[in-house]
Amino acid sequence: MTMMRTEIETRRKRYAMQRLSLAMKRLIQVDSADERIMATRWVVAWGRAVGERRFEPMWHESVTQALAASARSQNAASRAQ
């Protein structure tokens, strides 16, 4: 039974690491602030699944920067009108 549980956990972790890799590739390739926020959330979620807690600070920093950029662009657009 222990062997079976270990195999299942190994498969789950391997799957989560594959998804984390895909999420990180997507994050690198995004163009808009909204896409960056969503991609960062997926990186954090899959990072947690594989036990990587170091992605959490990165998420907060990225979201803060994206929200600030979005607010600046909205302010600029409203001033232009």
PDB file of N, CA and C in Angstrom:
ATOM      1  N   MET A   1       0.817  -1.197   0.000  1.00  0.00           N
ATOM      2  CA  MET A   1       0.000   0.000   0.000  1.00  0.00           C
ATOM      3  C   MET A   1       0.866   1.268   0.000  1.00  0.00           C
ATOM      4  N   THR A   2       1.950   1.263   0.776  1.00  0.00           N
ATOM      5  CA  THR A   2       2.841   2.420   0.810  1.00  0.00           C
ATOM      6  C   THR A   2       3.463   2.665  -0.548  1.00  0.00           C
ATOM      7  N   MET A   3       3.832   1.584  -1.228  1.00  0.00           N
ATOM      8  CA  MET A   3       4.425   1.707  -2.560  1.00  0.00           C
ATOM      9  C   MET A   3       3.429   2.345  -3.519  1.00  0.00           C
ATOM     10  N   MET A   4       2.185   1.936  -3.440  1.00  0.00           N
ATOM     11  CA  MET A   4       1.161   2.467  -4.325  1.00  0.00           C
ATOM     12  C   MET A   4       0.925   3.958  -4.055  1.00  0.00           C
ATOM     13  N   ARG A   5       0.874   4.334  -2.789  1.00  0.00           N
ATOM     14  CA  ARG A   5       0.663   5.734  -2.428  1.00  0.00           C
ATOM     15  C   ARG A   5       1.826   6.594  -2.923  1.00  0.00           C
ATOM     16  N   THR A   6       3.047   6.101  -2.786  1.00  0.00           N
ATOM     17  CA  THR A   6       4.222   6.833  -3.246  1.00  0.00           C
ATOM     18  C   THR A   6       4.183   7.032  -4.753  1.00  0.00           C
ATOM     19  N   GLU A   7       3.786   6.009  -5.484  1.00  0.00           N
ATOM     20  CA  GLU A   7       3.690   6.118  -6.943  1.00  0.00           C
ATOM     21  C   GLU A   7       2.640   7.152  -7.349  1.00  0.00           C
ATOM     22  N   ILE A   8       1.514   7.142  -6.674  1.00  0.00           N
ATOM     23  CA  ILE A   8       0.446   8.101  -6.974  1.00  0.00           C
ATOM     24  C   ILE A   8       0.928   9.522  -6.688  1.00  0.00           C
ATOM     25  N   GLU A   9       1.566   9.722  -5.544  1.00  0.00           N
ATOM     26  CA  GLU A   9       2.074  11.050  -5.197  1.00  0.00           C
ATOM     27  C   GLU A   9       3.139  11.506  -6.189  1.00  0.00           C
ATOM     28  N   THR A  10       3.979  10.579  -6.629  1.00  0.00           N
ATOM     29  CA  THR A  10       5.014  10.912  -7.613  1.00  0.00           C
ATOM     30  C   THR A  10       4.383  11.330  -8.931  1.00  0.00           C
ATOM     31  N   ARG A  11       3.369  10.601  -9.368  1.00  0.00           N
ATOM     32  CA  ARG A  11       2.676  10.955 -10.616  1.00  0.00           C
ATOM     33  C   ARG A  11       1.995  12.317 -10.503  1.00  0.00           C
ATOM     34  N   ARG A  12       1.368  12.566  -9.371  1.00  0.00           N
ATOM     35  CA  ARG A  12       0.699  13.856  -9.168  1.00  0.00           C
ATOM     36  C   ARG A  12       1.702  15.005  -9.178  1.00  0.00           C
ATOM     37  N   LYS A  13       2.833  14.803  -8.511  1.00  0.00           N
ATOM     38  CA  LYS A  13       3.840  15.858  -8.476  1.00  0.00           C
ATOM     39  C   LYS A  13       4.434  16.076  -9.865  1.00  0.00           C
ATOM     40  N   ARG A  14       4.680  15.004 -10.600  1.00  0.00           N
ATOM     41  CA  ARG A  14       5.214  15.127 -11.957  1.00  0.00           C
ATOM     42  C   ARG A  14       4.235  15.892 -12.845  1.00  0.00           C
ATOM     43  N   TYR A  15       2.947  15.566 -12.732  1.00  0.00           N
ATOM     44  CA  TYR A  15       1.922  16.266 -13.514  1.00  0.00           C
ATOM     45  C   TYR A  15       1.894  17.753 -13.146  1.00  0.00           C
ATOM     46  N   ALA A  16       1.919  18.040 -11.846  1.00  0.00           N
ATOM     47  CA  ALA A  16       1.902  19.434 -11.391  1.00  0.00           C
ATOM     48  C   ALA A  16       3.134  20.184 -11.891  1.00  0.00           C
ATOM     49  N   MET A  17       4.283  19.524 -11.917  1.00  0.00           N
ATOM     50  CA  MET A  17       5.497  20.176 -12.411  1.00  0.00           C
ATOM     51  C   MET A  17       5.401  20.450 -13.910  1.00  0.00           C
ATOM     52  N   GLN A  18       4.792  19.539 -14.655  1.00  0.00           N
ATOM     53  CA  GLN A  18       4.592  19.774 -16.089  1.00  0.00           C
ATOM     54  C   GLN A  18       3.670  20.969 -16.303  1.00  0.00           C
ATOM     55  N   ARG A  19       2.591  21.036 -15.536  1.00  0.00           N
ATOM     56  CA  ARG A  19       1.659  22.157 -15.661  1.00  0.00           C
ATOM     57  C   ARG A  19       2.324  23.469 -15.230  1.00  0.00           C
ATOM     58  N   LEU A  20       3.156  23.411 -14.193  1.00  0.00           N
ATOM     59  CA  LEU A  20       3.890  24.595 -13.755  1.00  0.00           C
ATOM     60  C   LEU A  20       4.807  25.092 -14.870  1.00  0.00           C
ATOM     61  N   SER A  21       5.475  24.176 -15.526  1.00  0.00           N
ATOM     62  CA  SER A  21       6.359  24.549 -16.634  1.00  0.00           C
ATOM     63  C   SER A  21       5.577  25.234 -17.751  1.00  0.00           C
ATOM     64  N   LEU A  22       4.423  24.680 -18.101  1.00  0.00           N
ATOM     65  CA  LEU A  22       3.583  25.296 -19.137  1.00  0.00           C
ATOM     66  C   LEU A  22       3.084  26.677 -18.706  1.00  0.00           C
ATOM     67  N   ALA A  23       2.693  26.785 -17.444  1.00  0.00           N
ATOM     68  CA  ALA A  23       2.201  28.069 -16.933  1.00  0.00           C
ATOM     69  C   ALA A  23       3.305  29.123 -16.957  1.00  0.00           C
ATOM     70  N   MET A  24       4.527  28.726 -16.633  1.00  0.00           N
ATOM     71  CA  MET A  24       5.641  29.672 -16.653  1.00  0.00           C
ATOM     72  C   MET A  24       5.958  30.109 -18.083  1.00  0.00           C
ATOM     73  N   LYS A  25       5.890  29.186 -19.020  1.00  0.00           N
ATOM     74  CA  LYS A  25       6.115  29.542 -20.427  1.00  0.00           C
ATOM     75  C   LYS A  25       5.058  30.535 -20.895  1.00  0.00           C
ATOM     76  N   ARG A  26       3.827  30.291 -20.501  1.00  0.00           N
ATOM     77  CA  ARG A  26       2.748  31.211 -20.878  1.00  0.00           C
ATOM     78  C   ARG A  26       2.974  32.586 -20.262  1.00  0.00           C
ATOM     79  N   LEU A  27       3.379  32.617 -18.996  1.00  0.00           N
ATOM     80  CA  LEU A  27       3.633  33.887 -18.317  1.00  0.00           C
ATOM     81  C   LEU A  27       4.711  34.692 -19.039  1.00  0.00           C
ATOM     82  N   ILE A  28       5.719  34.025 -19.521  1.00  0.00           N
ATOM     83  CA  ILE A  28       6.804  34.705 -20.231  1.00  0.00           C
ATOM     84  C   ILE A  28       6.306  35.315 -21.534  1.00  0.00           C
ATOM     85  N   GLN A  29       5.315  34.685 -22.159  1.00  0.00           N
ATOM     86  CA  GLN A  29       4.875  35.097 -23.491  1.00  0.00           C
ATOM     87  C   GLN A  29       3.687  36.053 -23.522  1.00  0.00           C
ATOM     88  N   VAL A  30       3.074  36.354 -22.374  1.00  0.00           N
ATOM     89  CA  VAL A  30       1.872  37.195 -22.394  1.00  0.00           C
ATOM     90  C   VAL A  30       2.195  38.637 -22.762  1.00  0.00           C
ATOM     91  N   ASP A  31       1.184  39.321 -23.317  1.00  0.00           N
ATOM     92  CA  ASP A  31       1.361  40.700 -23.750  1.00  0.00           C
ATOM     93  C   ASP A  31       0.630  41.702 -22.857  1.00  0.00           C
ATOM     94  N   SER A  32      -0.593  41.384 -22.471  1.00  0.00           N
ATOM     95  CA  SER A  32      -1.390  42.366 -21.728  1.00  0.00           C
ATOM     96  C   SER A  32      -1.268  42.162 -20.216  1.00  0.00           C
ATOM     97  N   ALA A  33      -1.599  43.208 -19.478  1.00  0.00           N
ATOM     98  CA  ALA A  33      -1.549  43.159 -18.017  1.00  0.00           C
ATOM     99  C   ALA A  33      -2.550  42.148 -17.467  1.00  0.00           C
ATOM    100  N   ASP A  34      -3.737  42.078 -18.076  1.00  0.00           N
ATOM    101  CA  ASP A  34      -4.754  41.128 -17.611  1.00  0.00           C
ATOM    102  C   ASP A  34      -4.291  39.687 -17.805  1.00  0.00           C
ATOM    103  N   GLU A  35      -3.709  39.407 -18.964  1.00  0.00           N
ATOM    104  CA  GLU A  35      -3.193  38.060 -19.220  1.00  0.00           C
ATOM    105  C   GLU A  35      -2.063  37.731 -18.250  1.00  0.00           C
ATOM    106  N   ARG A  36      -1.233  38.724 -17.945  1.00  0.00           N
ATOM    107  CA  ARG A  36      -0.117  38.509 -17.021  1.00  0.00           C
ATOM    108  C   ARG A  36      -0.635  38.148 -15.627  1.00  0.00           C
ATOM    109  N   ILE A  37      -1.697  38.817 -15.192  1.00  0.00           N
ATOM    110  CA  ILE A  37      -2.273  38.514 -13.879  1.00  0.00           C
ATOM    111  C   ILE A  37      -2.778  37.074 -13.844  1.00  0.00           C
ATOM    112  N   MET A  38      -3.534  36.676 -14.863  1.00  0.00           N
ATOM    113  CA  MET A  38      -4.075  35.313 -14.886  1.00  0.00           C
ATOM    114  C   MET A  38      -2.960  34.274 -14.999  1.00  0.00           C
ATOM    115  N   ALA A  39      -1.984  34.530 -15.847  1.00  0.00           N
ATOM    116  CA  ALA A  39      -0.879  33.586 -16.007  1.00  0.00           C
ATOM    117  C   ALA A  39      -0.088  33.460 -14.703  1.00  0.00           C
ATOM    118  N   THR A  40       0.088  34.569 -14.007  1.00  0.00           N
ATOM    119  CA  THR A  40       0.814  34.541 -12.735  1.00  0.00           C
ATOM    120  C   THR A  40       0.038  33.741 -11.698  1.00  0.00           C
ATOM    121  N   ARG A  41      -1.267  33.882 -11.702  1.00  0.00           N
ATOM    122  CA  ARG A  41      -2.089  33.095 -10.764  1.00  0.00           C
ATOM    123  C   ARG A  41      -1.921  31.600 -11.006  1.00  0.00           C
ATOM    124  N   TRP A  42      -1.852  31.202 -12.286  1.00  0.00           N
ATOM    125  CA  TRP A  42      -1.655  29.784 -12.594  1.00  0.00           C
ATOM    126  C   TRP A  42      -0.272  29.312 -12.151  1.00  0.00           C
ATOM    127  N   VAL A  43       0.734  30.151 -12.317  1.00  0.00           N
ATOM    128  CA  VAL A  43       2.082  29.785 -11.861  1.00  0.00           C
ATOM    129  C   VAL A  43       2.074  29.575 -10.352  1.00  0.00           C
ATOM    130  N   VAL A  44       1.429  30.476  -9.631  1.00  0.00           N
ATOM    131  CA  VAL A  44       1.353  30.346  -8.174  1.00  0.00           C
ATOM    132  C   VAL A  44       0.598  29.077  -7.788  1.00  0.00           C
ATOM    133  N   ALA A  45      -0.529  28.823  -8.444  1.00  0.00           N
ATOM    134  CA  ALA A  45      -1.340  27.644  -8.114  1.00  0.00           C
ATOM    135  C   ALA A  45      -0.568  26.351  -8.354  1.00  0.00           C
ATOM    136  N   TRP A  46       0.054  26.228  -9.521  1.00  0.00           N
ATOM    137  CA  TRP A  46       0.808  25.002  -9.812  1.00  0.00           C
ATOM    138  C   TRP A  46       2.080  24.938  -8.981  1.00  0.00           C
ATOM    139  N   GLY A  47       2.661  26.086  -8.663  1.00  0.00           N
ATOM    140  CA  GLY A  47       3.829  26.098  -7.786  1.00  0.00           C
ATOM    141  C   GLY A  47       3.496  25.556  -6.407  1.00  0.00           C
ATOM    142  N   ARG A  48       2.343  25.936  -5.906  1.00  0.00           N
ATOM    143  CA  ARG A  48       1.902  25.402  -4.612  1.00  0.00           C
ATOM    144  C   ARG A  48       1.671  23.899  -4.688  1.00  0.00           C
ATOM    145  N   ALA A  49       1.159  23.445  -5.809  1.00  0.00           N
ATOM    146  CA  ALA A  49       0.887  22.011  -5.965  1.00  0.00           C
ATOM    147  C   ALA A  49       2.169  21.188  -5.902  1.00  0.00           C
ATOM    148  N   VAL A  50       3.276  21.746  -6.356  1.00  0.00           N
ATOM    149  CA  VAL A  50       4.542  21.008  -6.294  1.00  0.00           C
ATOM    150  C   VAL A  50       5.363  21.398  -5.069  1.00  0.00           C
ATOM    151  N   GLY A  51       4.821  22.293  -4.264  1.00  0.00           N
ATOM    152  CA  GLY A  51       5.490  22.646  -3.022  1.00  0.00           C
ATOM    153  C   GLY A  51       6.454  23.807  -3.133  1.00  0.00           C
ATOM    154  N   GLU A  52       6.355  24.576  -4.191  1.00  0.00           N
ATOM    155  CA  GLU A  52       7.243  25.721  -4.381  1.00  0.00           C
ATOM    156  C   GLU A  52       6.575  26.974  -3.833  1.00  0.00           C
ATOM    157  N   ARG A  53       6.911  27.362  -2.632  1.00  0.00           N
ATOM    158  CA  ARG A  53       6.303  28.530  -1.991  1.00  0.00           C
ATOM    159  C   ARG A  53       6.932  29.837  -2.469  1.00  0.00           C
ATOM    160  N   ARG A  54       8.044  29.755  -3.155  1.00  0.00           N
ATOM    161  CA  ARG A  54       8.749  30.974  -3.554  1.00  0.00           C
ATOM    162  C   ARG A  54       8.001  31.781  -4.604  1.00  0.00           C
ATOM    163  N   PHE A  55       6.963  31.226  -5.214  1.00  0.00           N
ATOM    164  CA  PHE A  55       6.220  31.942  -6.240  1.00  0.00           C
ATOM    165  C   PHE A  55       5.242  32.954  -5.650  1.00  0.00           C
ATOM    166  N   GLU A  56       4.880  32.810  -4.393  1.00  0.00           N
ATOM    167  CA  GLU A  56       3.902  33.694  -3.760  1.00  0.00           C
ATOM    168  C   GLU A  56       4.339  35.160  -3.769  1.00  0.00           C
ATOM    169  N   PRO A  57       5.563  35.503  -3.339  1.00  0.00           N
ATOM    170  CA  PRO A  57       5.959  36.919  -3.394  1.00  0.00           C
ATOM    171  C   PRO A  57       5.968  37.453  -4.823  1.00  0.00           C
ATOM    172  N   MET A  58       6.355  36.622  -5.763  1.00  0.00           N
ATOM    173  CA  MET A  58       6.387  37.030  -7.161  1.00  0.00           C
ATOM    174  C   MET A  58       4.982  37.395  -7.628  1.00  0.00           C
ATOM    175  N   TRP A  59       3.979  36.640  -7.188  1.00  0.00           N
ATOM    176  CA  TRP A  59       2.600  36.907  -7.583  1.00  0.00           C
ATOM    177  C   TRP A  59       2.160  38.274  -7.087  1.00  0.00           C
ATOM    178  N   HIS A  60       2.418  38.561  -5.805  1.00  0.00           N
ATOM    179  CA  HIS A  60       1.999  39.853  -5.247  1.00  0.00           C
ATOM    180  C   HIS A  60       2.664  41.011  -5.976  1.00  0.00           C
ATOM    181  N   GLU A  61       3.946  40.880  -6.251  1.00  0.00           N
ATOM    182  CA  GLU A  61       4.674  41.943  -6.953  1.00  0.00           C
ATOM    183  C   GLU A  61       4.126  42.129  -8.361  1.00  0.00           C
ATOM    184  N   SER A  62       3.874  41.032  -9.053  1.00  0.00           N
ATOM    185  CA  SER A  62       3.383  41.099 -10.427  1.00  0.00           C
ATOM    186  C   SER A  62       1.987  41.714 -10.486  1.00  0.00           C
ATOM    187  N   VAL A  63       1.111  41.310  -9.593  1.00  0.00           N
ATOM    188  CA  VAL A  63      -0.253  41.844  -9.581  1.00  0.00           C
ATOM    189  C   VAL A  63      -0.229  43.333  -9.262  1.00  0.00           C
ATOM    190  N   THR A  64       0.584  43.728  -8.299  1.00  0.00           N
ATOM    191  CA  THR A  64       0.683  45.145  -7.944  1.00  0.00           C
ATOM    192  C   THR A  64       1.165  45.971  -9.129  1.00  0.00           C
ATOM    193  N   GLN A  65       2.181  45.485  -9.818  1.00  0.00           N
ATOM    194  CA  GLN A  65       2.701  46.201 -10.984  1.00  0.00           C
ATOM    195  C   GLN A  65       1.661  46.262 -12.099  1.00  0.00           C
ATOM    196  N   ALA A  66       0.956  45.164 -12.332  1.00  0.00           N
ATOM    197  CA  ALA A  66      -0.047  45.126 -13.396  1.00  0.00           C
ATOM    198  C   ALA A  66      -1.208  46.067 -13.088  1.00  0.00           C
ATOM    199  N   LEU A  67      -1.645  46.093 -11.843  1.00  0.00           N
ATOM    200  CA  LEU A  67      -2.739  46.991 -11.465  1.00  0.00           C
ATOM    201  C   LEU A  67      -2.321  48.455 -11.580  1.00  0.00           C
ATOM    202  N   ALA A  68      -1.093  48.750 -11.189  1.00  0.00           N
ATOM    203  CA  ALA A  68      -0.600  50.126 -11.307  1.00  0.00           C
ATOM    204  C   ALA A  68      -0.526  50.545 -12.773  1.00  0.00           C
ATOM    205  N   ALA A  69      -0.051  49.653 -13.632  1.00  0.00           N
ATOM    206  CA  ALA A  69       0.037  49.958 -15.068  1.00  0.00           C
ATOM    207  C   ALA A  69      -1.349  50.156 -15.660  1.00  0.00           C
ATOM    208  N   SER A  70      -2.298  49.321 -15.246  1.00  0.00           N
ATOM    209  CA  SER A  70      -3.663  49.439 -15.735  1.00  0.00           C
ATOM    210  C   SER A  70      -4.284  50.771 -15.305  1.00  0.00           C
ATOM    211  N   ALA A  71      -4.055  51.158 -14.058  1.00  0.00           N
ATOM    212  CA  ALA A  71      -4.587  52.433 -13.559  1.00  0.00           C
ATOM    213  C   ALA A  71      -3.977  53.607 -14.314  1.00  0.00           C
ATOM    214  N   ARG A  72      -2.679  53.536 -14.594  1.00  0.00           N
ATOM    215  CA  ARG A  72      -2.026  54.613 -15.343  1.00  0.00           C
ATOM    216  C   ARG A  72      -2.600  54.731 -16.748  1.00  0.00           C
ATOM    217  N   SER A  73      -2.811  53.592 -17.404  1.00  0.00           N
ATOM    218  CA  SER A  73      -3.340  53.645 -18.772  1.00  0.00           C
ATOM    219  C   SER A  73      -4.782  54.141 -18.785  1.00  0.00           C
ATOM    220  N   GLN A  74      -5.574  53.777 -17.783  1.00  0.00           N
ATOM    221  CA  GLN A  74      -6.949  54.265 -17.705  1.00  0.00           C
ATOM    222  C   GLN A  74      -6.978  55.767 -17.438  1.00  0.00           C
ATOM    223  N   ASN A  75      -6.083  56.240 -16.581  1.00  0.00           N
ATOM    224  CA  ASN A  75      -6.000  57.682 -16.308  1.00  0.00           C
ATOM    225  C   ASN A  75      -5.595  58.440 -17.561  1.00  0.00           C
ATOM    226  N   ALA A  76      -4.634  57.909 -18.284  1.00  0.00           N
ATOM    227  CA  ALA A  76      -4.183  58.562 -19.514  1.00  0.00           C
ATOM    228  C   ALA A  76      -5.300  58.594 -20.552  1.00  0.00           C
ATOM    229  N   ALA A  77      -6.064  57.506 -20.644  1.00  0.00           N
ATOM    230  CA  ALA A  77      -7.170  57.441 -21.604  1.00  0.00           C
ATOM    231  C   ALA A  77      -8.273  58.427 -21.235  1.00  0.00           C
ATOM    232  N   SER A  78      -8.569  58.542 -19.954  1.00  0.00           N
ATOM    233  CA  SER A  78      -9.628  59.473 -19.539  1.00  0.00           C
ATOM    234  C   SER A  78      -9.188  60.925 -19.722  1.00  0.00           C
ATOM    235  N   ARG A  79      -7.910  61.206 -19.561  1.00  0.00           N
ATOM    236  CA  ARG A  79      -7.405  62.565 -19.783  1.00  0.00           C
ATOM    237  C   ARG A  79      -7.425  62.923 -21.264  1.00  0.00           C
ATOM    238  N   ALA A  80      -7.223  61.941 -22.111  1.00  0.00           N
ATOM    239  CA  ALA A  80      -7.189  62.177 -23.560  1.00  0.00           C
ATOM    240  C   ALA A  80      -8.576  62.509 -24.099  1.00  0.00           C
ATOM    241  N   GLN A  81      -9.598  62.091 -23.395  1.00  0.00           N
ATOM    242  CA  GLN A  81     -10.971  62.336 -23.867  1.00  0.00           C
ATOM    243  C   GLN A  81     -11.372  63.682 -23.504  1.00  0.00           C
TER     244      GLN A  81
END
